[in-house]
N, C-alpha and C. Protein backbone atom coordinates (compact mmCIF):
# COMPACT_ATOMS: atom_id res chain seq x y z
N MET A 1 166.70 92.79 86.96
CA MET A 1 168.01 92.18 87.12
C MET A 1 167.85 90.68 86.94
N PRO A 2 168.52 90.13 85.93
CA PRO A 2 168.40 88.69 85.69
C PRO A 2 169.14 87.88 86.75
N THR A 3 168.81 86.61 86.79
CA THR A 3 169.44 85.71 87.75
C THR A 3 170.93 85.58 87.46
N LYS A 4 171.67 85.33 88.50
CA LYS A 4 173.10 85.05 88.36
C LYS A 4 173.37 83.55 88.46
N TYR A 5 172.30 82.78 88.61
CA TYR A 5 172.42 81.33 88.71
C TYR A 5 172.93 80.78 87.38
N ALA A 6 173.96 79.96 87.45
CA ALA A 6 174.58 79.42 86.23
C ALA A 6 173.97 78.08 85.88
N GLY A 7 172.67 78.07 85.63
CA GLY A 7 172.00 76.83 85.28
C GLY A 7 171.80 76.72 83.78
N THR A 8 170.94 75.79 83.43
CA THR A 8 170.60 75.60 82.01
C THR A 8 169.77 76.79 81.52
N ASP A 9 169.59 76.87 80.22
CA ASP A 9 168.74 77.93 79.66
C ASP A 9 167.33 77.84 80.20
N VAL A 10 166.81 76.64 80.35
CA VAL A 10 165.45 76.44 80.87
C VAL A 10 165.38 76.95 82.32
N GLU A 11 166.38 76.62 83.13
CA GLU A 11 166.41 77.07 84.52
C GLU A 11 166.52 78.59 84.61
N GLN A 12 167.39 79.17 83.81
CA GLN A 12 167.56 80.62 83.84
C GLN A 12 166.29 81.34 83.39
N THR A 13 165.63 80.83 82.37
CA THR A 13 164.38 81.43 81.90
C THR A 13 163.33 81.37 83.00
N ALA A 14 163.20 80.22 83.65
CA ALA A 14 162.22 80.07 84.73
C ALA A 14 162.55 80.99 85.91
N LEU A 15 163.81 81.03 86.30
CA LEU A 15 164.20 81.90 87.42
C LEU A 15 163.98 83.38 87.09
N ASN A 16 164.30 83.80 85.90
CA ASN A 16 164.11 85.19 85.51
C ASN A 16 162.62 85.56 85.50
N ALA A 17 161.78 84.67 85.02
CA ALA A 17 160.33 84.93 85.04
C ALA A 17 159.83 85.01 86.47
N TYR A 18 160.31 84.11 87.31
CA TYR A 18 159.91 84.07 88.72
C TYR A 18 160.33 85.35 89.45
N ILE A 19 161.57 85.76 89.26
CA ILE A 19 162.08 86.98 89.90
C ILE A 19 161.27 88.19 89.44
N THR A 20 160.99 88.27 88.17
CA THR A 20 160.21 89.39 87.63
C THR A 20 158.79 89.39 88.22
N LEU A 21 158.19 88.21 88.30
CA LEU A 21 156.86 88.10 88.87
C LEU A 21 156.85 88.56 90.33
N LEU A 22 157.80 88.11 91.13
CA LEU A 22 157.87 88.51 92.53
C LEU A 22 158.09 90.01 92.69
N ARG A 23 159.00 90.57 91.93
CA ARG A 23 159.26 92.00 92.02
C ARG A 23 158.04 92.81 91.61
N CYS A 24 157.38 92.38 90.57
CA CYS A 24 156.17 93.05 90.12
C CYS A 24 155.10 93.00 91.20
N THR A 25 154.89 91.83 91.77
CA THR A 25 153.88 91.66 92.82
C THR A 25 154.18 92.56 94.01
N GLU A 26 155.42 92.58 94.45
CA GLU A 26 155.79 93.42 95.59
C GLU A 26 155.60 94.90 95.29
N THR A 27 155.98 95.33 94.10
CA THR A 27 155.86 96.74 93.72
C THR A 27 154.40 97.16 93.62
N VAL A 28 153.60 96.36 92.95
CA VAL A 28 152.18 96.69 92.78
C VAL A 28 151.47 96.66 94.13
N THR A 29 151.76 95.66 94.95
CA THR A 29 151.13 95.58 96.27
C THR A 29 151.50 96.79 97.13
N ALA A 30 152.77 97.15 97.16
CA ALA A 30 153.20 98.32 97.95
C ALA A 30 152.51 99.59 97.46
N ASP A 31 152.43 99.74 96.14
CA ASP A 31 151.82 100.94 95.57
C ASP A 31 150.33 101.02 95.87
N THR A 32 149.65 99.90 95.80
CA THR A 32 148.19 99.92 95.95
C THR A 32 147.71 99.79 97.38
N THR A 33 148.62 99.58 98.32
CA THR A 33 148.20 99.44 99.72
C THR A 33 148.87 100.45 100.66
N ARG A 34 149.68 101.32 100.12
CA ARG A 34 150.39 102.29 100.93
C ARG A 34 149.45 103.11 101.82
N HIS A 35 148.29 103.47 101.30
CA HIS A 35 147.33 104.30 102.02
C HIS A 35 146.75 103.61 103.26
N LEU A 36 146.88 102.28 103.37
CA LEU A 36 146.31 101.57 104.51
C LEU A 36 146.97 101.98 105.83
N ALA A 37 148.22 102.40 105.78
CA ALA A 37 148.91 102.84 107.00
C ALA A 37 148.18 104.02 107.64
N GLY A 38 147.57 104.87 106.81
CA GLY A 38 146.81 106.00 107.34
C GLY A 38 145.59 105.57 108.15
N TYR A 39 145.14 104.36 107.92
CA TYR A 39 144.01 103.80 108.67
C TYR A 39 144.50 102.87 109.78
N LYS A 40 145.82 102.80 109.94
CA LYS A 40 146.45 101.90 110.91
C LYS A 40 146.06 100.44 110.65
N LEU A 41 146.08 100.07 109.38
CA LEU A 41 145.77 98.70 108.98
C LEU A 41 146.95 98.08 108.26
N THR A 42 147.17 96.80 108.51
CA THR A 42 148.13 96.03 107.73
C THR A 42 147.41 95.49 106.51
N ILE A 43 148.19 94.97 105.57
CA ILE A 43 147.59 94.35 104.38
C ILE A 43 146.72 93.16 104.80
N GLY A 44 147.19 92.39 105.77
CA GLY A 44 146.43 91.24 106.25
C GLY A 44 145.11 91.66 106.90
N GLN A 45 145.13 92.72 107.68
CA GLN A 45 143.91 93.21 108.31
C GLN A 45 142.93 93.71 107.27
N PHE A 46 143.44 94.44 106.28
CA PHE A 46 142.57 94.89 105.20
C PHE A 46 141.94 93.69 104.50
N GLY A 47 142.74 92.66 104.23
CA GLY A 47 142.24 91.46 103.56
C GLY A 47 141.09 90.81 104.32
N VAL A 48 141.22 90.72 105.63
CA VAL A 48 140.15 90.13 106.44
C VAL A 48 138.91 91.00 106.38
N LEU A 49 139.06 92.31 106.54
CA LEU A 49 137.90 93.21 106.45
C LEU A 49 137.22 93.10 105.08
N GLU A 50 138.03 93.06 104.05
CA GLU A 50 137.49 93.01 102.68
C GLU A 50 136.74 91.71 102.44
N VAL A 51 137.29 90.58 102.86
CA VAL A 51 136.62 89.30 102.62
C VAL A 51 135.32 89.23 103.41
N LEU A 52 135.30 89.74 104.63
CA LEU A 52 134.07 89.75 105.42
C LEU A 52 133.04 90.70 104.81
N PHE A 53 133.50 91.81 104.28
CA PHE A 53 132.62 92.78 103.65
C PHE A 53 131.91 92.17 102.44
N HIS A 54 132.65 91.42 101.64
CA HIS A 54 132.09 90.87 100.42
C HIS A 54 131.40 89.51 100.59
N LEU A 55 131.83 88.73 101.57
CA LEU A 55 131.29 87.38 101.71
C LEU A 55 130.43 87.18 102.96
N GLY A 56 130.44 88.14 103.86
CA GLY A 56 129.69 87.99 105.11
C GLY A 56 130.51 87.24 106.13
N SER A 57 129.88 86.90 107.25
CA SER A 57 130.62 86.26 108.34
C SER A 57 131.16 84.90 107.90
N LEU A 58 132.36 84.61 108.37
CA LEU A 58 133.05 83.36 108.05
C LEU A 58 133.79 82.87 109.28
N CYS A 59 134.06 81.58 109.34
CA CYS A 59 134.95 81.08 110.40
C CYS A 59 136.39 81.41 110.00
N GLN A 60 137.26 81.44 110.98
CA GLN A 60 138.65 81.83 110.73
C GLN A 60 139.32 80.92 109.71
N ARG A 61 139.00 79.64 109.75
CA ARG A 61 139.59 78.69 108.79
C ARG A 61 139.26 79.11 107.36
N ASP A 62 138.00 79.48 107.13
CA ASP A 62 137.58 79.88 105.79
C ASP A 62 138.21 81.21 105.38
N ILE A 63 138.37 82.12 106.32
CA ILE A 63 139.06 83.38 106.03
C ILE A 63 140.49 83.07 105.59
N GLY A 64 141.17 82.19 106.34
CA GLY A 64 142.53 81.81 106.00
C GLY A 64 142.63 81.20 104.62
N ARG A 65 141.68 80.36 104.27
CA ARG A 65 141.68 79.74 102.94
C ARG A 65 141.50 80.78 101.84
N LYS A 66 140.61 81.72 102.07
CA LYS A 66 140.36 82.76 101.06
C LYS A 66 141.60 83.64 100.86
N LEU A 67 142.32 83.90 101.95
CA LEU A 67 143.47 84.81 101.89
C LEU A 67 144.81 84.08 101.77
N LEU A 68 144.76 82.75 101.70
CA LEU A 68 145.98 81.92 101.61
C LEU A 68 146.92 82.19 102.78
N LYS A 69 146.35 82.24 103.98
CA LYS A 69 147.13 82.49 105.20
C LYS A 69 146.93 81.34 106.17
N SER A 70 147.91 81.15 107.05
CA SER A 70 147.84 80.08 108.04
C SER A 70 146.84 80.44 109.13
N GLY A 71 146.37 79.41 109.83
CA GLY A 71 145.42 79.61 110.93
C GLY A 71 145.98 80.52 112.01
N GLY A 72 147.24 80.33 112.36
CA GLY A 72 147.86 81.16 113.39
C GLY A 72 147.93 82.62 112.99
N ASN A 73 148.24 82.86 111.72
CA ASN A 73 148.31 84.23 111.22
C ASN A 73 146.94 84.89 111.28
N ILE A 74 145.91 84.17 110.85
CA ILE A 74 144.55 84.73 110.85
C ILE A 74 144.09 84.99 112.28
N THR A 75 144.42 84.11 113.20
CA THR A 75 144.05 84.33 114.60
C THR A 75 144.61 85.64 115.11
N THR A 76 145.88 85.90 114.84
CA THR A 76 146.51 87.14 115.28
C THR A 76 145.86 88.36 114.63
N VAL A 77 145.61 88.27 113.34
CA VAL A 77 145.00 89.39 112.62
C VAL A 77 143.60 89.66 113.18
N VAL A 78 142.81 88.62 113.37
CA VAL A 78 141.45 88.79 113.90
C VAL A 78 141.51 89.32 115.32
N ASP A 79 142.44 88.83 116.14
CA ASP A 79 142.60 89.35 117.50
C ASP A 79 142.80 90.87 117.48
N ASN A 80 143.67 91.33 116.60
CA ASN A 80 143.97 92.76 116.53
C ASN A 80 142.79 93.57 116.01
N LEU A 81 142.07 93.03 115.04
CA LEU A 81 140.87 93.72 114.54
C LEU A 81 139.79 93.76 115.62
N GLU A 82 139.69 92.68 116.38
CA GLU A 82 138.69 92.62 117.46
C GLU A 82 139.02 93.65 118.55
N LYS A 83 140.29 93.79 118.89
CA LYS A 83 140.70 94.79 119.89
C LYS A 83 140.32 96.20 119.46
N ARG A 84 140.33 96.45 118.15
CA ARG A 84 139.96 97.77 117.62
C ARG A 84 138.46 97.93 117.45
N GLY A 85 137.71 96.87 117.71
CA GLY A 85 136.26 96.94 117.58
C GLY A 85 135.77 96.88 116.15
N LEU A 86 136.59 96.33 115.24
CA LEU A 86 136.22 96.27 113.83
C LEU A 86 135.56 94.95 113.45
N VAL A 87 135.80 93.91 114.23
CA VAL A 87 135.15 92.61 114.03
C VAL A 87 134.78 92.04 115.40
N VAL A 88 133.86 91.08 115.36
CA VAL A 88 133.52 90.32 116.56
C VAL A 88 133.53 88.85 116.19
N ARG A 89 133.80 88.03 117.20
CA ARG A 89 133.70 86.58 117.04
C ARG A 89 132.40 86.15 117.72
N LYS A 90 131.65 85.32 117.01
CA LYS A 90 130.42 84.77 117.57
C LYS A 90 130.44 83.28 117.37
N ARG A 91 130.05 82.56 118.41
CA ARG A 91 130.02 81.10 118.30
C ARG A 91 129.03 80.69 117.22
N SER A 92 129.47 79.78 116.36
CA SER A 92 128.63 79.30 115.26
C SER A 92 127.40 78.57 115.80
N VAL A 93 126.25 78.87 115.24
CA VAL A 93 125.04 78.16 115.66
C VAL A 93 125.01 76.75 115.09
N ASP A 94 125.66 76.53 113.97
CA ASP A 94 125.69 75.21 113.34
C ASP A 94 126.66 74.25 114.03
N ASP A 95 127.79 74.77 114.49
CA ASP A 95 128.82 73.95 115.11
C ASP A 95 129.50 74.78 116.18
N ARG A 96 129.18 74.52 117.43
CA ARG A 96 129.66 75.37 118.54
C ARG A 96 131.17 75.32 118.74
N ARG A 97 131.87 74.44 118.01
CA ARG A 97 133.33 74.43 118.09
C ARG A 97 133.93 75.59 117.32
N PHE A 98 133.17 76.17 116.41
CA PHE A 98 133.67 77.23 115.54
C PHE A 98 133.11 78.58 115.93
N TYR A 99 133.92 79.57 115.69
CA TYR A 99 133.49 80.95 115.85
C TYR A 99 133.38 81.59 114.48
N GLN A 100 132.30 82.27 114.24
CA GLN A 100 132.13 83.07 113.05
C GLN A 100 132.72 84.45 113.34
N VAL A 101 133.41 85.00 112.37
CA VAL A 101 133.95 86.35 112.50
C VAL A 101 133.09 87.24 111.62
N GLU A 102 132.64 88.35 112.17
CA GLU A 102 131.83 89.26 111.37
C GLU A 102 132.23 90.70 111.65
N LEU A 103 131.93 91.55 110.69
CA LEU A 103 132.21 92.97 110.82
C LEU A 103 131.29 93.61 111.85
N THR A 104 131.82 94.55 112.60
CA THR A 104 130.99 95.40 113.43
C THR A 104 130.55 96.58 112.57
N ALA A 105 129.71 97.42 113.12
CA ALA A 105 129.29 98.63 112.40
C ALA A 105 130.52 99.48 112.07
N ASP A 106 131.45 99.61 113.03
CA ASP A 106 132.67 100.38 112.79
C ASP A 106 133.53 99.74 111.70
N GLY A 107 133.62 98.42 111.71
CA GLY A 107 134.38 97.71 110.68
C GLY A 107 133.77 97.91 109.30
N ARG A 108 132.45 97.83 109.22
CA ARG A 108 131.75 98.03 107.95
C ARG A 108 131.95 99.46 107.46
N GLU A 109 131.88 100.40 108.36
CA GLU A 109 132.07 101.81 108.00
C GLU A 109 133.49 102.04 107.47
N LEU A 110 134.48 101.45 108.14
CA LEU A 110 135.87 101.63 107.72
C LEU A 110 136.12 101.01 106.35
N ILE A 111 135.70 99.77 106.14
CA ILE A 111 135.98 99.12 104.86
C ILE A 111 135.20 99.80 103.74
N THR A 112 134.02 100.31 104.04
CA THR A 112 133.25 101.04 103.04
C THR A 112 133.97 102.32 102.63
N ALA A 113 134.63 102.95 103.58
CA ALA A 113 135.39 104.17 103.28
C ALA A 113 136.66 103.86 102.50
N ILE A 114 137.29 102.73 102.77
CA ILE A 114 138.57 102.39 102.15
C ILE A 114 138.41 101.83 100.74
N MET A 115 137.38 101.06 100.49
CA MET A 115 137.26 100.32 99.23
C MET A 115 137.35 101.19 97.98
N PRO A 116 136.68 102.34 97.91
CA PRO A 116 136.80 103.13 96.67
C PRO A 116 138.24 103.54 96.36
N ARG A 117 139.00 103.92 97.37
CA ARG A 117 140.39 104.30 97.15
C ARG A 117 141.22 103.09 96.74
N GLN A 118 140.94 101.94 97.34
CA GLN A 118 141.66 100.72 97.01
C GLN A 118 141.39 100.33 95.55
N VAL A 119 140.13 100.36 95.16
CA VAL A 119 139.76 100.00 93.79
C VAL A 119 140.38 101.00 92.80
N GLU A 120 140.35 102.28 93.14
CA GLU A 120 140.93 103.31 92.27
C GLU A 120 142.42 103.08 92.08
N GLY A 121 143.13 102.76 93.16
CA GLY A 121 144.57 102.52 93.07
C GLY A 121 144.90 101.31 92.21
N ILE A 122 144.14 100.26 92.38
CA ILE A 122 144.37 99.05 91.59
C ILE A 122 144.04 99.31 90.12
N THR A 123 142.93 99.99 89.88
CA THR A 123 142.53 100.30 88.50
C THR A 123 143.58 101.18 87.83
N ARG A 124 144.07 102.18 88.56
CA ARG A 124 145.10 103.07 88.02
C ARG A 124 146.36 102.28 87.69
N ARG A 125 146.77 101.42 88.59
CA ARG A 125 148.00 100.65 88.38
C ARG A 125 147.85 99.67 87.21
N MET A 126 146.69 99.03 87.12
CA MET A 126 146.47 98.05 86.06
C MET A 126 146.26 98.71 84.70
N ALA A 127 146.02 100.01 84.67
CA ALA A 127 145.83 100.72 83.41
C ALA A 127 147.11 100.73 82.57
N ALA A 128 148.22 100.33 83.15
CA ALA A 128 149.46 100.17 82.36
C ALA A 128 149.28 99.08 81.31
N LEU A 129 148.30 98.22 81.52
CA LEU A 129 147.99 97.14 80.58
C LEU A 129 146.64 97.42 79.94
N SER A 130 146.49 97.05 78.69
CA SER A 130 145.19 97.16 78.04
C SER A 130 144.24 96.13 78.67
N ALA A 131 142.96 96.25 78.36
CA ALA A 131 141.98 95.29 78.86
C ALA A 131 142.33 93.88 78.39
N ASP A 132 142.75 93.75 77.14
CA ASP A 132 143.15 92.44 76.62
C ASP A 132 144.37 91.89 77.36
N GLU A 133 145.33 92.75 77.62
CA GLU A 133 146.53 92.33 78.36
C GLU A 133 146.18 91.92 79.78
N GLN A 134 145.27 92.65 80.41
CA GLN A 134 144.83 92.28 81.76
C GLN A 134 144.17 90.90 81.75
N ALA A 135 143.38 90.62 80.73
CA ALA A 135 142.73 89.30 80.61
C ALA A 135 143.78 88.21 80.41
N ILE A 136 144.77 88.48 79.60
CA ILE A 136 145.84 87.51 79.36
C ILE A 136 146.64 87.29 80.65
N LEU A 137 146.95 88.38 81.35
CA LEU A 137 147.67 88.26 82.62
C LEU A 137 146.89 87.39 83.59
N ARG A 138 145.60 87.62 83.68
CA ARG A 138 144.75 86.82 84.57
C ARG A 138 144.81 85.35 84.18
N GLN A 139 144.70 85.06 82.88
CA GLN A 139 144.76 83.67 82.41
C GLN A 139 146.10 83.03 82.76
N LEU A 140 147.18 83.76 82.53
CA LEU A 140 148.51 83.23 82.80
C LEU A 140 148.70 82.99 84.30
N CYS A 141 148.23 83.90 85.13
CA CYS A 141 148.38 83.74 86.57
C CYS A 141 147.56 82.54 87.07
N ARG A 142 146.36 82.40 86.53
CA ARG A 142 145.53 81.24 86.91
C ARG A 142 146.23 79.94 86.50
N LYS A 143 146.76 79.93 85.29
CA LYS A 143 147.45 78.74 84.78
C LYS A 143 148.65 78.41 85.68
N LEU A 144 149.40 79.41 86.04
CA LEU A 144 150.58 79.21 86.88
C LEU A 144 150.17 78.81 88.30
N GLY A 145 149.16 79.48 88.85
CA GLY A 145 148.74 79.23 90.22
C GLY A 145 148.06 77.90 90.42
N VAL A 146 147.27 77.48 89.45
CA VAL A 146 146.53 76.23 89.56
C VAL A 146 147.37 75.06 89.04
N GLY A 147 148.34 75.38 88.21
CA GLY A 147 149.19 74.33 87.65
C GLY A 147 148.57 73.63 86.47
N GLU A 148 147.65 74.31 85.81
CA GLU A 148 146.98 73.72 84.64
C GLU A 148 147.77 73.94 83.38
C-alpha cells in the first residue's frame, strides 16, 4: 500500500520505499522467529543468547551495542534470562564496575537446539531471492544503514 502523503515525488518515493522496507522486515522477522514462543523466548532474549553463543561472554553494554538495544532493555532481558538459569552475570576481572554476561550450560544447550531451526527458517525465507539478489540486498541495506 503506497503512502497517502501528498508530498513531492521524491518524498513519496522515499516514503514508499521506507514503508515497504518496514513491512518486509516485520513479515520476515515474524515468520523466522515464530517458533521461539515454543521455547518461551522473546526475540530479544533469543538475540542475547545468540550473541553470547557466537561471541562469548560480554558486558551488557556490548550486548546492547551488538543488538542495537538500550541499556535498560538489555538489563530487563538479561534479568529474565538469568531467572530462567540461561545466563549468569559475573563481575569482570578487568573492571569490577562491569558484569560479564555468559551462557550457562542450560543456555548453551537451548541455543544449540534452536540455532539449526533458526538458520533453516532464514535460509528458506531468503531463498525467495537468488544469491546475487541477496548480495545486492545486503549491499543496499549496509549503504542505507551506514549512510554511505
